[in-house]
Amino acid sequence: MNIAAIVSAAAAAIIMITISPAIAQPAPTATATPAPTATVTKVDRLSRTIAVRRNETTGSNTSGAAEEFKAQEGLSLEDVHAGDRVTFSTSEVNGVKTITKVQKQ
Protein backbone atom coordinates (compact mmCIF):
# COMPACT_ATOMS: atom_id res chain seq x y z
CA MET A 1 0.00 0.00 0.00
CA ASN A 2 2.80 2.42 0.82
CA ILE A 3 4.57 1.79 -2.50
CA ALA A 4 1.32 2.42 -4.41
CA ALA A 5 0.81 5.70 -2.53
CA ILE A 6 4.40 6.79 -3.28
CA VAL A 7 4.09 5.92 -6.98
CA SER A 8 0.73 7.70 -7.17
CA ALA A 9 2.14 10.82 -5.46
CA ALA A 10 5.19 10.80 -7.75
CA ALA A 11 2.98 10.51 -10.85
CA ALA A 12 0.81 13.39 -9.64
CA ALA A 13 3.92 15.51 -9.00
CA ILE A 14 5.29 14.81 -12.48
CA ILE A 15 1.96 15.73 -14.05
CA MET A 16 1.79 18.98 -12.06
CA ILE A 17 5.35 19.92 -13.05
CA THR A 18 4.59 19.19 -16.70
CA ILE A 19 1.31 21.14 -16.75
CA SER A 20 2.42 24.09 -14.60
CA PRO A 21 4.27 26.05 -17.32
CA ALA A 22 1.21 25.94 -19.58
CA ILE A 23 -1.03 27.17 -16.79
CA ALA A 24 1.41 29.82 -15.59
CA GLN A 25 1.74 31.63 -18.94
CA PRO A 26 0.52 35.20 -18.64
CA ALA A 27 -2.59 36.22 -20.50
CA PRO A 28 -2.21 38.85 -23.23
CA THR A 29 -2.22 42.32 -21.76
CA ALA A 30 -5.12 44.50 -22.79
CA THR A 31 -6.05 47.99 -21.74
CA ALA A 32 -9.44 49.28 -22.82
CA THR A 33 -10.31 52.87 -23.69
CA PRO A 34 -13.73 54.54 -23.65
CA ALA A 35 -15.81 54.74 -26.86
CA PRO A 36 -14.98 58.07 -28.55
CA THR A 37 -16.60 59.36 -31.73
CA ALA A 38 -14.62 59.66 -34.93
CA THR A 39 -14.74 59.87 -38.70
CA VAL A 40 -13.42 56.90 -40.66
CA THR A 41 -10.66 58.02 -43.03
CA LYS A 42 -9.58 54.66 -44.48
CA VAL A 43 -10.68 51.01 -44.42
CA ASP A 44 -8.30 48.32 -45.68
CA ARG A 45 -10.17 45.04 -45.67
CA LEU A 46 -7.20 43.03 -46.98
CA SER A 47 -4.87 43.98 -44.14
CA ARG A 48 -7.82 44.33 -41.72
CA THR A 49 -6.95 47.88 -40.67
CA ILE A 50 -9.12 50.95 -40.15
CA ALA A 51 -7.99 54.56 -39.79
CA VAL A 52 -10.09 57.08 -37.88
CA ARG A 53 -9.83 60.77 -37.05
CA ARG A 54 -11.25 61.53 -33.63
CA ASN A 55 -13.91 64.24 -33.48
CA GLU A 56 -12.65 66.89 -31.11
CA THR A 57 -15.13 68.27 -28.61
CA THR A 58 -12.78 70.89 -27.21
CA GLY A 59 -12.63 74.50 -28.40
CA SER A 60 -10.18 73.62 -31.15
CA ASN A 61 -11.51 73.83 -34.70
CA THR A 62 -8.89 71.48 -36.16
CA SER A 63 -9.11 67.73 -35.99
CA GLY A 64 -6.23 65.56 -34.91
CA ALA A 65 -4.26 63.21 -37.09
CA ALA A 66 -5.82 59.95 -38.21
CA GLU A 67 -4.98 56.89 -36.10
CA GLU A 68 -4.72 53.44 -37.64
CA PHE A 69 -5.90 50.34 -35.80
CA LYS A 70 -5.79 46.62 -36.52
CA ALA A 71 -9.31 45.12 -36.57
CA GLN A 72 -9.99 42.51 -33.91
CA GLU A 73 -10.46 38.97 -35.22
CA GLY A 74 -14.15 38.48 -35.98
CA LEU A 75 -14.94 42.21 -36.33
CA SER A 76 -16.68 42.87 -39.65
CA LEU A 77 -15.46 45.84 -41.68
CA GLU A 78 -17.95 45.30 -44.52
CA ASP A 79 -20.42 47.98 -43.38
CA VAL A 80 -17.79 50.62 -42.55
CA HIS A 81 -16.68 53.09 -45.22
CA ALA A 82 -14.45 56.17 -45.38
CA GLY A 83 -16.43 59.22 -44.30
CA ASP A 84 -18.68 57.35 -41.86
CA ARG A 85 -19.08 58.84 -38.38
CA VAL A 86 -18.61 56.08 -35.83
CA THR A 87 -18.19 55.32 -32.17
CA PHE A 88 -15.52 52.78 -31.45
CA SER A 89 -13.70 50.92 -28.71
CA THR A 90 -10.04 50.02 -28.74
CA SER A 91 -7.59 48.05 -26.70
CA GLU A 92 -3.89 47.46 -26.86
CA VAL A 93 -3.14 43.75 -27.08
CA ASN A 94 0.53 42.84 -26.79
CA GLY A 95 1.55 46.31 -27.95
CA VAL A 96 -0.74 46.42 -31.02
CA LYS A 97 -3.49 49.06 -31.16
CA THR A 98 -6.64 47.07 -31.93
CA ILE A 99 -10.17 48.25 -32.65
CA THR A 100 -12.57 45.93 -30.85
CA LYS A 101 -15.94 47.51 -31.69
CA VAL A 102 -17.09 49.98 -34.32
CA GLN A 103 -20.64 51.28 -34.68
CA LYS A 104 -21.98 53.75 -37.24
CA GLN A 105 -23.78 56.77 -35.81
PDB file of N, CA and C in Angstrom:
ATOM      1  N   MET A   1       0.823  -1.190   0.000  1.00  0.00           N
ATOM      2  CA  MET A   1       0.000   0.000   0.000  1.00  0.00           C
ATOM      3  C   MET A   1       0.863   1.248   0.000  1.00  0.00           C
ATOM      4  N   ASN A   2       1.924   1.257   0.757  1.00  0.00           N
ATOM      5  CA  ASN A   2       2.796   2.423   0.817  1.00  0.00           C
ATOM      6  C   ASN A   2       3.472   2.680  -0.524  1.00  0.00           C
ATOM      7  N   ILE A   3       3.901   1.624  -1.213  1.00  0.00           N
ATOM      8  CA  ILE A   3       4.566   1.787  -2.501  1.00  0.00           C
ATOM      9  C   ILE A   3       3.569   2.359  -3.512  1.00  0.00           C
ATOM     10  N   ALA A   4       2.335   1.900  -3.491  1.00  0.00           N
ATOM     11  CA  ALA A   4       1.315   2.420  -4.405  1.00  0.00           C
ATOM     12  C   ALA A   4       1.050   3.891  -4.133  1.00  0.00           C
ATOM     13  N   ALA A   5       1.032   4.294  -2.883  1.00  0.00           N
ATOM     14  CA  ALA A   5       0.812   5.697  -2.532  1.00  0.00           C
ATOM     15  C   ALA A   5       1.987   6.554  -3.001  1.00  0.00           C
ATOM     16  N   ILE A   6       3.209   6.051  -2.857  1.00  0.00           N
ATOM     17  CA  ILE A   6       4.403   6.794  -3.281  1.00  0.00           C
ATOM     18  C   ILE A   6       4.408   6.945  -4.800  1.00  0.00           C
ATOM     19  N   VAL A   7       4.113   5.867  -5.523  1.00  0.00           N
ATOM     20  CA  VAL A   7       4.089   5.918  -6.976  1.00  0.00           C
ATOM     21  C   VAL A   7       2.993   6.880  -7.446  1.00  0.00           C
ATOM     22  N   SER A   8       1.838   6.821  -6.824  1.00  0.00           N
ATOM     23  CA  SER A   8       0.735   7.704  -7.174  1.00  0.00           C
ATOM     24  C   SER A   8       1.100   9.171  -6.921  1.00  0.00           C
ATOM     25  N   ALA A   9       1.726   9.446  -5.785  1.00  0.00           N
ATOM     26  CA  ALA A   9       2.140  10.815  -5.456  1.00  0.00           C
ATOM     27  C   ALA A   9       3.208  11.301  -6.427  1.00  0.00           C
ATOM     28  N   ALA A  10       4.139  10.421  -6.801  1.00  0.00           N
ATOM     29  CA  ALA A  10       5.189  10.801  -7.751  1.00  0.00           C
ATOM     30  C   ALA A  10       4.586  11.096  -9.121  1.00  0.00           C
ATOM     31  N   ALA A  11       3.637  10.283  -9.556  1.00  0.00           N
ATOM     32  CA  ALA A  11       2.983  10.509 -10.846  1.00  0.00           C
ATOM     33  C   ALA A  11       2.226  11.835 -10.836  1.00  0.00           C
ATOM     34  N   ALA A  12       1.542  12.116  -9.747  1.00  0.00           N
ATOM     35  CA  ALA A  12       0.812  13.385  -9.637  1.00  0.00           C
ATOM     36  C   ALA A  12       1.775  14.564  -9.669  1.00  0.00           C
ATOM     37  N   ALA A  13       2.919  14.440  -9.001  1.00  0.00           N
ATOM     38  CA  ALA A  13       3.915  15.511  -8.999  1.00  0.00           C
ATOM     39  C   ALA A  13       4.484  15.743 -10.394  1.00  0.00           C
ATOM     40  N   ILE A  14       4.751  14.683 -11.122  1.00  0.00           N
ATOM     41  CA  ILE A  14       5.286  14.812 -12.483  1.00  0.00           C
ATOM     42  C   ILE A  14       4.263  15.487 -13.393  1.00  0.00           C
ATOM     43  N   ILE A  15       3.009  15.112 -13.249  1.00  0.00           N
ATOM     44  CA  ILE A  15       1.956  15.730 -14.049  1.00  0.00           C
ATOM     45  C   ILE A  15       1.848  17.219 -13.728  1.00  0.00           C
ATOM     46  N   MET A  16       1.886  17.570 -12.468  1.00  0.00           N
ATOM     47  CA  MET A  16       1.795  18.975 -12.058  1.00  0.00           C
ATOM     48  C   MET A  16       2.980  19.780 -12.583  1.00  0.00           C
ATOM     49  N   ILE A  17       4.159  19.217 -12.547  1.00  0.00           N
ATOM     50  CA  ILE A  17       5.348  19.915 -13.046  1.00  0.00           C
ATOM     51  C   ILE A  17       5.245  20.105 -14.552  1.00  0.00           C
ATOM     52  N   THR A  18       4.725  19.120 -15.249  1.00  0.00           N
ATOM     53  CA  THR A  18       4.588  19.194 -16.705  1.00  0.00           C
ATOM     54  C   THR A  18       3.524  20.208 -17.112  1.00  0.00           C
ATOM     55  N   ILE A  19       2.421  20.267 -16.400  1.00  0.00           N
ATOM     56  CA  ILE A  19       1.309  21.142 -16.751  1.00  0.00           C
ATOM     57  C   ILE A  19       1.530  22.568 -16.258  1.00  0.00           C
ATOM     58  N   SER A  20       2.261  22.775 -15.204  1.00  0.00           N
ATOM     59  CA  SER A  20       2.417  24.094 -14.596  1.00  0.00           C
ATOM     60  C   SER A  20       2.870  25.182 -15.560  1.00  0.00           C
ATOM     61  N   PRO A  21       3.878  24.967 -16.422  1.00  0.00           N
ATOM     62  CA  PRO A  21       4.269  26.053 -17.323  1.00  0.00           C
ATOM     63  C   PRO A  21       3.145  26.501 -18.250  1.00  0.00           C
ATOM     64  N   ALA A  22       2.310  25.580 -18.704  1.00  0.00           N
ATOM     65  CA  ALA A  22       1.208  25.943 -19.583  1.00  0.00           C
ATOM     66  C   ALA A  22       0.171  26.769 -18.839  1.00  0.00           C
ATOM     67  N   ILE A  23      -0.058  26.442 -17.592  1.00  0.00           N
ATOM     68  CA  ILE A  23      -1.031  27.170 -16.787  1.00  0.00           C
ATOM     69  C   ILE A  23      -0.481  28.525 -16.376  1.00  0.00           C
ATOM     70  N   ALA A  24       0.805  28.613 -16.123  1.00  0.00           N
ATOM     71  CA  ALA A  24       1.410  29.820 -15.587  1.00  0.00           C
ATOM     72  C   ALA A  24       1.708  30.883 -16.636  1.00  0.00           C
ATOM     73  N   GLN A  25       1.462  30.625 -17.925  1.00  0.00           N
ATOM     74  CA  GLN A  25       1.744  31.627 -18.942  1.00  0.00           C
ATOM     75  C   GLN A  25       0.812  32.807 -18.762  1.00  0.00           C
ATOM     76  N   PRO A  26       1.366  34.026 -18.842  1.00  0.00           N
ATOM     77  CA  PRO A  26       0.520  35.203 -18.640  1.00  0.00           C
ATOM     78  C   PRO A  26      -0.442  35.399 -19.797  1.00  0.00           C
ATOM     79  N   ALA A  27      -1.602  35.914 -19.474  1.00  0.00           N
ATOM     80  CA  ALA A  27      -2.592  36.223 -20.504  1.00  0.00           C
ATOM     81  C   ALA A  27      -2.140  37.465 -21.257  1.00  0.00           C
ATOM     82  N   PRO A  28      -2.571  37.640 -22.496  1.00  0.00           N
ATOM     83  CA  PRO A  28      -2.211  38.851 -23.229  1.00  0.00           C
ATOM     84  C   PRO A  28      -2.687  40.083 -22.474  1.00  0.00           C
ATOM     85  N   THR A  29      -1.853  41.104 -22.454  1.00  0.00           N
ATOM     86  CA  THR A  29      -2.222  42.320 -21.755  1.00  0.00           C
ATOM     87  C   THR A  29      -3.140  43.145 -22.633  1.00  0.00           C
ATOM     88  N   ALA A  30      -4.184  43.675 -22.052  1.00  0.00           N
ATOM     89  CA  ALA A  30      -5.118  44.496 -22.793  1.00  0.00           C
ATOM     90  C   ALA A  30      -5.576  45.642 -21.906  1.00  0.00           C
ATOM     91  N   THR A  31      -5.546  46.841 -22.451  1.00  0.00           N
ATOM     92  CA  THR A  31      -6.051  47.992 -21.742  1.00  0.00           C
ATOM     93  C   THR A  31      -7.131  48.618 -22.605  1.00  0.00           C
ATOM     94  N   ALA A  32      -8.311  48.770 -22.054  1.00  0.00           N
ATOM     95  CA  ALA A  32      -9.436  49.285 -22.819  1.00  0.00           C
ATOM     96  C   ALA A  32      -9.522  50.802 -22.683  1.00  0.00           C
ATOM     97  N   THR A  33     -10.076  51.446 -23.707  1.00  0.00           N
ATOM     98  CA  THR A  33     -10.310  52.875 -23.686  1.00  0.00           C
ATOM     99  C   THR A  33     -11.791  53.120 -23.897  1.00  0.00           C
ATOM    100  N   PRO A  34     -12.310  54.262 -23.455  1.00  0.00           N
ATOM    101  CA  PRO A  34     -13.735  54.535 -23.655  1.00  0.00           C
ATOM    102  C   PRO A  34     -14.069  54.703 -25.133  1.00  0.00           C
ATOM    103  N   ALA A  35     -15.358  54.682 -25.468  1.00  0.00           N
ATOM    104  CA  ALA A  35     -15.805  54.737 -26.863  1.00  0.00           C
ATOM    105  C   ALA A  35     -15.914  56.185 -27.330  1.00  0.00           C
ATOM    106  N   PRO A  36     -14.893  56.708 -28.015  1.00  0.00           N
ATOM    107  CA  PRO A  36     -14.978  58.066 -28.551  1.00  0.00           C
ATOM    108  C   PRO A  36     -15.705  58.072 -29.898  1.00  0.00           C
ATOM    109  N   THR A  37     -16.022  59.252 -30.394  1.00  0.00           N
ATOM    110  CA  THR A  37     -16.599  59.363 -31.731  1.00  0.00           C
ATOM    111  C   THR A  37     -15.505  59.798 -32.697  1.00  0.00           C
ATOM    112  N   ALA A  38     -15.654  59.367 -33.942  1.00  0.00           N
ATOM    113  CA  ALA A  38     -14.617  59.664 -34.930  1.00  0.00           C
ATOM    114  C   ALA A  38     -15.207  59.573 -36.328  1.00  0.00           C
ATOM    115  N   THR A  39     -14.408  60.005 -37.292  1.00  0.00           N
ATOM    116  CA  THR A  39     -14.738  59.866 -38.700  1.00  0.00           C
ATOM    117  C   THR A  39     -13.755  58.879 -39.315  1.00  0.00           C
ATOM    118  N   VAL A  40     -14.277  57.893 -40.011  1.00  0.00           N
ATOM    119  CA  VAL A  40     -13.420  56.902 -40.660  1.00  0.00           C
ATOM    120  C   VAL A  40     -12.723  57.573 -41.841  1.00  0.00           C
ATOM    121  N   THR A  41     -11.404  57.436 -41.919  1.00  0.00           N
ATOM    122  CA  THR A  41     -10.656  58.023 -43.034  1.00  0.00           C
ATOM    123  C   THR A  41     -10.181  56.974 -44.022  1.00  0.00           C
ATOM    124  N   LYS A  42     -10.035  55.721 -43.577  1.00  0.00           N
ATOM    125  CA  LYS A  42      -9.578  54.661 -44.479  1.00  0.00           C
ATOM    126  C   LYS A  42      -9.981  53.301 -43.918  1.00  0.00           C
ATOM    127  N   VAL A  43     -10.396  52.399 -44.798  1.00  0.00           N
ATOM    128  CA  VAL A  43     -10.679  51.011 -44.421  1.00  0.00           C
ATOM    129  C   VAL A  43      -9.914  50.126 -45.393  1.00  0.00           C
ATOM    130  N   ASP A  44      -9.050  49.277 -44.859  1.00  0.00           N
ATOM    131  CA  ASP A  44      -8.304  48.323 -45.683  1.00  0.00           C
ATOM    132  C   ASP A  44      -8.732  46.926 -45.262  1.00  0.00           C
ATOM    133  N   ARG A  45      -9.623  46.350 -46.037  1.00  0.00           N
ATOM    134  CA  ARG A  45     -10.173  45.041 -45.673  1.00  0.00           C
ATOM    135  C   ARG A  45      -9.174  43.907 -45.863  1.00  0.00           C
ATOM    136  N   LEU A  46      -8.209  44.085 -46.762  1.00  0.00           N
ATOM    137  CA  LEU A  46      -7.205  43.034 -46.978  1.00  0.00           C
ATOM    138  C   LEU A  46      -6.251  42.910 -45.790  1.00  0.00           C
ATOM    139  N   SER A  47      -5.782  44.039 -45.283  1.00  0.00           N
ATOM    140  CA  SER A  47      -4.868  43.980 -44.136  1.00  0.00           C
ATOM    141  C   SER A  47      -5.612  44.106 -42.817  1.00  0.00           C
ATOM    142  N   ARG A  48      -6.957  44.235 -42.891  1.00  0.00           N
ATOM    143  CA  ARG A  48      -7.819  44.333 -41.719  1.00  0.00           C
ATOM    144  C   ARG A  48      -7.416  45.498 -40.821  1.00  0.00           C
ATOM    145  N   THR A  49      -7.247  46.681 -41.429  1.00  0.00           N
ATOM    146  CA  THR A  49      -6.951  47.885 -40.666  1.00  0.00           C
ATOM    147  C   THR A  49      -8.007  48.941 -40.968  1.00  0.00           C
ATOM    148  N   ILE A  50      -8.181  49.842 -40.007  1.00  0.00           N
ATOM    149  CA  ILE A  50      -9.115  50.950 -40.147  1.00  0.00           C
ATOM    150  C   ILE A  50      -8.445  52.182 -39.556  1.00  0.00           C
ATOM    151  N   ALA A  51      -8.550  53.295 -40.270  1.00  0.00           N
ATOM    152  CA  ALA A  51      -7.987  54.563 -39.788  1.00  0.00           C
ATOM    153  C   ALA A  51      -9.142  55.495 -39.461  1.00  0.00           C
ATOM    154  N   VAL A  52      -9.044  56.162 -38.317  1.00  0.00           N
ATOM    155  CA  VAL A  52     -10.092  57.085 -37.880  1.00  0.00           C
ATOM    156  C   VAL A  52      -9.463  58.393 -37.414  1.00  0.00           C
ATOM    157  N   ARG A  53     -10.226  59.467 -37.577  1.00  0.00           N
ATOM    158  CA  ARG A  53      -9.833  60.771 -37.054  1.00  0.00           C
ATOM    159  C   ARG A  53     -10.848  61.113 -35.980  1.00  0.00           C
ATOM    160  N   ARG A  54     -10.353  61.238 -34.759  1.00  0.00           N
ATOM    161  CA  ARG A  54     -11.253  61.528 -33.629  1.00  0.00           C
ATOM    162  C   ARG A  54     -11.906  62.890 -33.805  1.00  0.00           C
ATOM    163  N   ASN A  55     -13.184  62.974 -33.439  1.00  0.00           N
ATOM    164  CA  ASN A  55     -13.914  64.236 -33.482  1.00  0.00           C
ATOM    165  C   ASN A  55     -13.644  64.970 -32.181  1.00  0.00           C
ATOM    166  N   GLU A  56     -13.013  66.115 -32.296  1.00  0.00           N
ATOM    167  CA  GLU A  56     -12.647  66.893 -31.115  1.00  0.00           C
ATOM    168  C   GLU A  56     -13.878  67.600 -30.566  1.00  0.00           C
ATOM    169  N   THR A  57     -14.019  67.576 -29.238  1.00  0.00           N
ATOM    170  CA  THR A  57     -15.129  68.270 -28.605  1.00  0.00           C
ATOM    171  C   THR A  57     -14.625  69.484 -27.835  1.00  0.00           C
ATOM    172  N   THR A  58     -13.326  69.722 -27.891  1.00  0.00           N
ATOM    173  CA  THR A  58     -12.778  70.887 -27.208  1.00  0.00           C
ATOM    174  C   THR A  58     -12.969  72.112 -28.076  1.00  0.00           C
ATOM    175  N   GLY A  59     -12.473  73.255 -27.671  1.00  0.00           N
ATOM    176  CA  GLY A  59     -12.628  74.504 -28.395  1.00  0.00           C
ATOM    177  C   GLY A  59     -11.840  74.565 -29.687  1.00  0.00           C
ATOM    178  N   SER A  60     -10.994  73.609 -29.948  1.00  0.00           N
ATOM    179  CA  SER A  60     -10.177  73.619 -31.154  1.00  0.00           C
ATOM    180  C   SER A  60     -11.035  73.355 -32.384  1.00  0.00           C
ATOM    181  N   ASN A  61     -10.745  74.055 -33.483  1.00  0.00           N
ATOM    182  CA  ASN A  61     -11.511  73.826 -34.700  1.00  0.00           C
ATOM    183  C   ASN A  61     -10.765  72.951 -35.695  1.00  0.00           C
ATOM    184  N   THR A  62      -9.626  72.395 -35.288  1.00  0.00           N
ATOM    185  CA  THR A  62      -8.888  71.485 -36.156  1.00  0.00           C
ATOM    186  C   THR A  62      -8.937  70.086 -35.578  1.00  0.00           C
ATOM    187  N   SER A  63      -9.082  69.121 -36.440  1.00  0.00           N
ATOM    188  CA  SER A  63      -9.112  67.725 -35.991  1.00  0.00           C
ATOM    189  C   SER A  63      -7.695  67.196 -35.871  1.00  0.00           C
ATOM    190  N   GLY A  64      -7.537  66.178 -35.072  1.00  0.00           N
ATOM    191  CA  GLY A  64      -6.234  65.558 -34.907  1.00  0.00           C
ATOM    192  C   GLY A  64      -5.888  64.676 -36.088  1.00  0.00           C
ATOM    193  N   ALA A  65      -4.708  64.108 -36.029  1.00  0.00           N
ATOM    194  CA  ALA A  65      -4.257  63.206 -37.090  1.00  0.00           C
ATOM    195  C   ALA A  65      -5.033  61.893 -37.022  1.00  0.00           C
ATOM    196  N   ALA A  66      -5.141  61.238 -38.159  1.00  0.00           N
ATOM    197  CA  ALA A  66      -5.822  59.946 -38.208  1.00  0.00           C
ATOM    198  C   ALA A  66      -4.981  58.897 -37.491  1.00  0.00           C
ATOM    199  N   GLU A  67      -5.644  58.006 -36.783  1.00  0.00           N
ATOM    200  CA  GLU A  67      -4.985  56.894 -36.100  1.00  0.00           C
ATOM    201  C   GLU A  67      -5.379  55.614 -36.809  1.00  0.00           C
ATOM    202  N   GLU A  68      -4.429  54.707 -36.975  1.00  0.00           N
ATOM    203  CA  GLU A  68      -4.719  53.440 -37.638  1.00  0.00           C
ATOM    204  C   GLU A  68      -4.731  52.315 -36.608  1.00  0.00           C
ATOM    205  N   PHE A  69      -5.724  51.449 -36.723  1.00  0.00           N
ATOM    206  CA  PHE A  69      -5.897  50.336 -35.801  1.00  0.00           C
ATOM    207  C   PHE A  69      -6.023  49.042 -36.586  1.00  0.00           C
ATOM    208  N   LYS A  70      -5.563  47.961 -35.995  1.00  0.00           N
ATOM    209  CA  LYS A  70      -5.794  46.617 -36.520  1.00  0.00           C
ATOM    210  C   LYS A  70      -7.196  46.213 -36.065  1.00  0.00           C
ATOM    211  N   ALA A  71      -7.964  45.571 -36.931  1.00  0.00           N
ATOM    212  CA  ALA A  71      -9.309  45.118 -36.566  1.00  0.00           C
ATOM    213  C   ALA A  71      -9.212  43.806 -35.796  1.00  0.00           C
ATOM    214  N   GLN A  72      -9.964  43.727 -34.709  1.00  0.00           N
ATOM    215  CA  GLN A  72      -9.995  42.509 -33.907  1.00  0.00           C
ATOM    216  C   GLN A  72     -10.533  41.360 -34.745  1.00  0.00           C
ATOM    217  N   GLU A  73     -10.001  40.173 -34.519  1.00  0.00           N
ATOM    218  CA  GLU A  73     -10.463  38.974 -35.216  1.00  0.00           C
ATOM    219  C   GLU A  73     -11.962  38.821 -34.992  1.00  0.00           C
ATOM    220  N   GLY A  74     -12.708  38.645 -36.074  1.00  0.00           N
ATOM    221  CA  GLY A  74     -14.153  38.476 -35.982  1.00  0.00           C
ATOM    222  C   GLY A  74     -14.934  39.767 -36.167  1.00  0.00           C
ATOM    223  N   LEU A  75     -14.266  40.924 -36.135  1.00  0.00           N
ATOM    224  CA  LEU A  75     -14.942  42.205 -36.332  1.00  0.00           C
ATOM    225  C   LEU A  75     -15.139  42.440 -37.825  1.00  0.00           C
ATOM    226  N   SER A  76     -16.374  42.658 -38.236  1.00  0.00           N
ATOM    227  CA  SER A  76     -16.676  42.866 -39.653  1.00  0.00           C
ATOM    228  C   SER A  76     -16.422  44.319 -40.043  1.00  0.00           C
ATOM    229  N   LEU A  77     -15.713  44.503 -41.143  1.00  0.00           N
ATOM    230  CA  LEU A  77     -15.459  45.839 -41.678  1.00  0.00           C
ATOM    231  C   LEU A  77     -16.282  46.106 -42.937  1.00  0.00           C
ATOM    232  N   GLU A  78     -17.185  45.205 -43.282  1.00  0.00           N
ATOM    233  CA  GLU A  78     -17.953  45.302 -44.521  1.00  0.00           C
ATOM    234  C   GLU A  78     -18.892  46.504 -44.549  1.00  0.00           C
ATOM    235  N   ASP A  79     -19.448  46.898 -43.416  1.00  0.00           N
ATOM    236  CA  ASP A  79     -20.425  47.984 -43.381  1.00  0.00           C
ATOM    237  C   ASP A  79     -19.795  49.336 -43.064  1.00  0.00           C
ATOM    238  N   VAL A  80     -18.482  49.388 -42.908  1.00  0.00           N
ATOM    239  CA  VAL A  80     -17.794  50.625 -42.549  1.00  0.00           C
ATOM    240  C   VAL A  80     -17.076  51.166 -43.778  1.00  0.00           C
ATOM    241  N   HIS A  81     -17.269  52.466 -44.034  1.00  0.00           N
ATOM    242  CA  HIS A  81     -16.676  53.091 -45.215  1.00  0.00           C
ATOM    243  C   HIS A  81     -16.036  54.421 -44.820  1.00  0.00           C
ATOM    244  N   ALA A  82     -15.078  54.871 -45.614  1.00  0.00           N
ATOM    245  CA  ALA A  82     -14.449  56.165 -45.380  1.00  0.00           C
ATOM    246  C   ALA A  82     -15.523  57.247 -45.397  1.00  0.00           C
ATOM    247  N   GLY A  83     -15.453  58.152 -44.442  1.00  0.00           N
ATOM    248  CA  GLY A  83     -16.431  59.224 -44.300  1.00  0.00           C
ATOM    249  C   GLY A  83     -17.508  58.942 -43.282  1.00  0.00           C
ATOM    250  N   ASP A  84     -17.674  57.691 -42.865  1.00  0.00           N
ATOM    251  CA  ASP A  84     -18.680  57.353 -41.858  1.00  0.00           C
ATOM    252  C   ASP A  84     -18.293  57.923 -40.503  1.00  0.00           C
ATOM    253  N   ARG A  85     -19.292  58.442 -39.774  1.00  0.00           N
ATOM    254  CA  ARG A  85     -19.083  58.843 -38.383  1.00  0.00           C
ATOM    255  C   ARG A  85     -19.387  57.618 -37.527  1.00  0.00           C
ATOM    256  N   VAL A  86     -18.484  57.300 -36.614  1.00  0.00           N
ATOM    257  CA  VAL A  86     -18.614  56.081 -35.829  1.00  0.00           C
ATOM    258  C   VAL A  86     -18.246  56.338 -34.371  1.00  0.00           C
ATOM    259  N   THR A  87     -18.731  55.453 -33.520  1.00  0.00           N
ATOM    260  CA  THR A  87     -18.187  55.323 -32.172  1.00  0.00           C
ATOM    261  C   THR A  87     -17.408  54.022 -32.188  1.00  0.00           C
ATOM    262  N   PHE A  88     -16.341  53.978 -31.408  1.00  0.00           N
ATOM    263  CA  PHE A  88     -15.518  52.779 -31.447  1.00  0.00           C
ATOM    264  C   PHE A  88     -14.846  52.552 -30.112  1.00  0.00           C
ATOM    265  N   SER A  89     -14.441  51.318 -29.907  1.00  0.00           N
ATOM    266  CA  SER A  89     -13.697  50.923 -28.714  1.00  0.00           C
ATOM    267  C   SER A  89     -12.390  50.304 -29.165  1.00  0.00           C
ATOM    268  N   THR A  90     -11.346  50.569 -28.413  1.00  0.00           N
ATOM    269  CA  THR A  90     -10.038  50.017 -28.739  1.00  0.00           C
ATOM    270  C   THR A  90      -9.407  49.388 -27.521  1.00  0.00           C
ATOM    271  N   SER A  91      -8.426  48.580 -27.779  1.00  0.00           N
ATOM    272  CA  SER A  91      -7.588  48.054 -26.704  1.00  0.00           C
ATOM    273  C   SER A  91      -6.204  47.850 -27.290  1.00  0.00           C
ATOM    274  N   GLU A  92      -5.246  47.742 -26.415  1.00  0.00           N
ATOM    275  CA  GLU A  92      -3.887  47.464 -26.856  1.00  0.00           C
ATOM    276  C   GLU A  92      -3.558  46.052 -26.411  1.00  0.00           C
ATOM    277  N   VAL A  93      -3.409  45.157 -27.371  1.00  0.00           N
ATOM    278  CA  VAL A  93      -3.144  43.753 -27.084  1.00  0.00           C
ATOM    279  C   VAL A  93      -1.717  43.447 -27.510  1.00  0.00           C
ATOM    280  N   ASN A  94      -0.886  43.136 -26.537  1.00  0.00           N
ATOM    281  CA  ASN A  94       0.528  42.835 -26.791  1.00  0.00           C
ATOM    282  C   ASN A  94       1.208  43.928 -27.609  1.00  0.00           C
ATOM    283  N   GLY A  95       0.891  45.176 -27.303  1.00  0.00           N
ATOM    284  CA  GLY A  95       1.546  46.307 -27.948  1.00  0.00           C
ATOM    285  C   GLY A  95       0.958  46.728 -29.275  1.00  0.00           C
ATOM    286  N   VAL A  96      -0.124  46.079 -29.728  1.00  0.00           N
ATOM    287  CA  VAL A  96      -0.741  46.415 -31.016  1.00  0.00           C
ATOM    288  C   VAL A  96      -2.067  47.131 -30.747  1.00  0.00           C
ATOM    289  N   LYS A  97      -2.234  48.342 -31.310  1.00  0.00           N
ATOM    290  CA  LYS A  97      -3.495  49.062 -31.164  1.00  0.00           C
ATOM    291  C   LYS A  97      -4.557  48.340 -31.986  1.00  0.00           C
ATOM    292  N   THR A  98      -5.618  47.901 -31.305  1.00  0.00           N
ATOM    293  CA  THR A  98      -6.639  47.071 -31.930  1.00  0.00           C
ATOM    294  C   THR A  98      -8.010  47.688 -31.715  1.00  0.00           C
ATOM    295  N   ILE A  99      -8.797  47.765 -32.781  1.00  0.00           N
ATOM    296  CA  ILE A  99     -10.169  48.248 -32.652  1.00  0.00           C
ATOM    297  C   ILE A  99     -11.046  47.030 -32.383  1.00  0.00           C
ATOM    298  N   THR A 100     -11.798  47.080 -31.288  1.00  0.00           N
ATOM    299  CA  THR A 100     -12.572  45.927 -30.852  1.00  0.00           C
ATOM    300  C   THR A 100     -14.049  46.053 -31.179  1.00  0.00           C
ATOM    301  N   LYS A 101     -14.524  47.295 -31.386  1.00  0.00           N
ATOM    302  CA  LYS A 101     -15.937  47.507 -31.687  1.00  0.00           C
ATOM    303  C   LYS A 101     -16.042  48.795 -32.494  1.00  0.00           C
ATOM    304  N   VAL A 102     -16.832  48.777 -33.530  1.00  0.00           N
ATOM    305  CA  VAL A 102     -17.086  49.980 -34.319  1.00  0.00           C
ATOM    306  C   VAL A 102     -18.564  49.994 -34.662  1.00  0.00           C
ATOM    307  N   GLN A 103     -19.208  51.166 -34.441  1.00  0.00           N
ATOM    308  CA  GLN A 103     -20.636  51.275 -34.683  1.00  0.00           C
ATOM    309  C   GLN A 103     -20.911  52.608 -35.382  1.00  0.00           C
ATOM    310  N   LYS A 104     -21.629  52.534 -36.510  1.00  0.00           N
ATOM    311  CA  LYS A 104     -21.982  53.750 -37.238  1.00  0.00           C
ATOM    312  C   LYS A 104     -22.977  54.567 -36.425  1.00  0.00           C
ATOM    313  N   GLN A 105     -22.854  55.890 -36.518  1.00  0.00           N
ATOM    314  CA  GLN A 105     -23.778  56.771 -35.805  1.00  0.00           C
ATOM    315  C   GLN A 105     -24.935  57.142 -36.691  1.00  0.00           C
TER     316      GLN A 105
END
